[in-house]
Protein backbone atom coordinates (compact mmCIF):
# COMPACT_ATOMS: atom_id res chain seq x y z
CA MET A 1 -15.82 3.63 -61.66
CA TYR A 2 -17.27 6.89 -62.80
CA LYS A 3 -20.00 6.94 -59.72
CA ILE A 4 -16.93 6.65 -57.23
CA SER A 5 -14.79 8.95 -58.54
CA LEU A 6 -17.37 10.99 -58.35
CA PHE A 7 -18.25 9.95 -54.86
CA LEU A 8 -14.56 10.73 -53.99
CA LEU A 9 -14.09 14.08 -55.68
CA VAL A 10 -17.31 15.41 -54.02
CA ALA A 11 -15.99 13.60 -50.58
CA LEU A 12 -12.69 15.51 -50.77
CA TYR A 13 -14.41 19.19 -51.92
CA ALA A 14 -16.79 19.36 -48.89
CA CYS A 15 -13.85 18.10 -46.33
CA GLY A 16 -12.20 21.37 -47.75
CA ASP A 17 -13.11 24.50 -45.44
CA ALA A 18 -11.23 27.57 -44.02
CA THR A 19 -9.29 25.11 -42.84
CA GLY A 20 -6.35 23.91 -44.55
CA PRO A 21 -4.13 21.05 -44.01
CA LYS A 22 -1.40 22.99 -41.93
CA ASP A 23 -4.26 24.46 -39.36
CA ILE A 24 -5.13 20.71 -38.92
CA ILE A 25 -1.70 19.29 -38.83
CA LYS A 26 -1.64 22.77 -35.62
CA GLU A 27 -5.25 21.54 -34.32
CA GLU A 28 -4.39 17.27 -34.35
CA ALA A 29 -0.73 18.23 -32.60
CA ALA A 30 -2.65 20.42 -30.27
CA LEU A 31 -4.72 17.17 -29.19
CA GLN A 32 -2.39 15.50 -28.77
CA LYS A 33 -0.44 18.10 -26.55
CA SER A 34 -3.09 18.39 -24.05
CA THR A 35 -3.66 14.54 -24.06
CA ILE A 36 -0.21 13.50 -22.55
CA ALA A 37 -0.57 12.00 -19.44
CA GLN A 38 1.76 13.35 -16.77
CA PRO A 39 3.42 10.95 -14.79
CA VAL A 40 2.63 10.11 -11.80
CA LEU A 41 6.20 9.87 -9.68
CA THR A 42 7.00 7.61 -6.15
CA ASP A 43 10.78 7.89 -4.56
CA LEU A 44 11.61 4.34 -3.52
CA ASN A 45 9.29 4.86 -0.10
CA ASP A 46 6.13 4.65 -1.71
CA GLN A 47 6.19 8.50 -1.16
CA PRO A 48 4.47 10.63 -4.23
CA ILE A 49 6.69 13.27 -5.64
CA ASP A 50 4.69 16.34 -6.87
CA LEU A 51 6.39 17.17 -10.07
CA GLU A 52 4.36 20.94 -9.37
CA LYS A 53 7.18 21.90 -6.89
CA TYR A 54 9.26 21.78 -10.12
CA LYS A 55 7.81 24.56 -11.97
CA GLY A 56 10.69 27.37 -13.02
CA LYS A 57 12.82 23.97 -13.99
CA ILE A 58 13.35 21.82 -16.66
CA VAL A 59 12.47 18.91 -15.72
CA PHE A 60 14.26 15.85 -17.11
CA ILE A 61 12.57 12.12 -16.84
CA ASN A 62 14.85 9.24 -18.11
CA PHE A 63 12.47 6.17 -18.61
CA TRP A 64 14.25 2.71 -17.87
CA ALA A 65 14.32 -0.51 -16.60
CA THR A 66 17.16 -2.88 -15.03
CA TRP A 67 17.35 -5.32 -18.07
CA CYS A 68 17.28 -2.34 -20.98
CA LYS A 69 20.63 -3.01 -22.21
CA PRO A 70 20.27 0.70 -24.31
CA CYS A 71 19.21 2.22 -21.28
CA ARG A 72 22.42 1.29 -19.61
CA GLU A 73 24.08 2.36 -22.07
CA GLU A 74 23.04 5.90 -22.22
CA MET A 75 23.86 6.44 -18.46
CA PRO A 76 27.37 7.44 -18.84
CA SER A 77 26.55 9.76 -20.94
CA ILE A 78 23.77 11.08 -18.58
CA GLN A 79 25.76 11.28 -15.67
CA GLU A 80 28.11 14.05 -17.63
CA ALA A 81 24.79 15.60 -18.73
CA MET A 82 24.56 16.18 -15.32
CA LYS A 83 28.20 17.23 -14.16
CA ILE A 84 27.72 20.03 -17.14
CA LEU A 85 24.37 21.13 -16.35
CA LYS A 86 25.43 21.09 -12.21
CA ASP A 87 24.28 24.66 -12.53
CA ASP A 88 21.08 25.12 -14.28
CA LYS A 89 17.51 24.76 -12.53
CA ILE A 90 17.19 21.08 -14.01
CA GLU A 91 16.05 18.07 -12.13
CA PHE A 92 17.05 14.72 -13.45
CA PHE A 93 14.17 11.30 -12.60
CA PHE A 94 15.26 8.07 -13.85
CA ALA A 95 11.72 6.43 -13.53
CA SER A 96 11.21 2.79 -13.64
CA ASP A 97 7.79 0.65 -13.16
CA GLU A 98 10.35 -2.18 -11.45
CA THR A 99 9.88 -3.21 -7.56
CA THR A 100 12.16 -1.45 -4.80
CA GLU A 101 14.48 -3.76 -4.87
CA GLN A 102 15.15 -4.12 -8.21
CA ILE A 103 16.16 -0.71 -8.59
CA GLU A 104 17.76 -0.99 -4.95
CA GLU A 105 20.13 -3.87 -6.43
CA PHE A 106 20.89 -2.12 -9.59
CA LYS A 107 21.62 1.52 -7.95
CA ALA A 108 23.95 -0.75 -5.27
CA ALA A 109 25.98 -2.35 -8.37
CA HIS A 110 26.07 0.93 -10.17
CA ASN A 111 28.20 3.80 -9.20
CA TYR A 112 25.89 6.80 -10.49
CA ASN A 113 24.59 9.67 -8.83
CA PHE A 114 20.82 9.14 -10.29
CA ASN A 115 17.66 10.60 -8.28
CA TYR A 116 16.19 6.65 -9.10
CA VAL A 117 12.17 7.36 -8.40
CA LYS A 118 8.85 4.65 -9.03
CA VAL A 119 6.66 5.41 -12.32
CA VAL A 120 3.02 4.54 -11.30
CA ASN A 121 1.44 4.71 -14.34
CA LEU A 122 3.89 3.81 -17.02
CA SER A 123 1.08 2.29 -19.32
CA GLU A 124 -0.80 5.70 -19.35
CA LEU A 125 1.95 7.55 -20.77
CA ASN A 126 2.14 5.69 -23.55
CA ILE A 127 5.60 4.76 -23.75
CA MET A 128 6.34 1.57 -26.47
CA GLY A 129 9.90 1.28 -25.25
CA LEU A 130 13.08 1.72 -23.54
CA PRO A 131 14.69 4.41 -22.51
CA THR A 132 11.94 7.09 -23.17
CA THR A 133 12.99 10.47 -21.89
CA PHE A 134 10.50 13.39 -21.62
CA ILE A 135 11.67 17.05 -20.87
CA PHE A 136 9.42 19.29 -19.27
CA ASN A 137 9.79 23.21 -19.76
CA PRO A 138 10.58 25.50 -17.08
CA ASN A 139 6.24 25.83 -17.19
CA GLY A 140 5.72 22.48 -16.73
CA GLU A 141 4.37 21.70 -20.43
CA LEU A 142 6.04 18.95 -22.31
CA VAL A 143 8.88 20.08 -25.23
CA PHE A 144 10.51 16.51 -25.86
CA SER A 145 9.56 12.75 -25.99
CA GLU A 146 11.75 10.47 -27.47
CA ILE A 147 12.11 6.82 -27.54
CA GLY A 148 15.73 5.12 -27.62
CA TYR A 149 19.50 6.09 -26.89
CA ARG A 150 21.08 9.72 -27.24
CA LYS A 151 24.23 10.46 -26.00
CA TRP A 152 23.09 13.44 -23.67
CA ASP A 153 26.22 15.06 -23.49
CA ASP A 154 27.31 15.70 -26.85
CA GLU A 155 26.73 19.59 -27.09
CA ALA A 156 23.65 19.36 -28.78
CA ASN A 157 22.08 17.75 -26.77
CA ILE A 158 23.33 19.85 -24.06
CA ASN A 159 21.77 22.50 -25.70
CA LEU A 160 18.16 20.50 -26.03
CA ILE A 161 18.45 19.86 -22.56
CA LEU A 162 18.03 23.59 -21.80
CA ASN A 163 16.16 24.34 -25.42
CA LYS A 164 18.57 26.43 -26.82
CA SER A 165 17.88 24.01 -30.22
CA GLU A 166 14.21 24.32 -32.53
CA GLN A 167 12.08 21.36 -30.90
CA LYS A 168 9.46 19.98 -32.92
């Protein structure tokens, strides 16, 4: 037991250098941010969407599926948020990895004014559940990522989209 304790003490001491725990956390966060894959999107005709063209605007991408109940439940609040933010420089995309036919059928059955697109690289984005929302700032940097339902037309969430609130 003494040898194990001594080994652990030496190991902990050896691992401690000038960088404290906060610096390590910052380094890990920077590494994670730099390795996040960018979404690869196409329109419903399978034509690529160049997200670089939206630099200077906030880009809101909601990943969803026709079978996803929470996705469908949050759509009215996103529609309302779009109305509230209509004068701001924001692009909204609704990305699914389903077939064009499935998306078109959903689109025909629902009265949303959404820019429906297909996501080509969903598995690379490390999305663990739907709905998931990504928000990119005008510089094209991912500043928000969240899995789950959110009431997007609430004032706090409107401010979140506009990047007026603290985002960690």
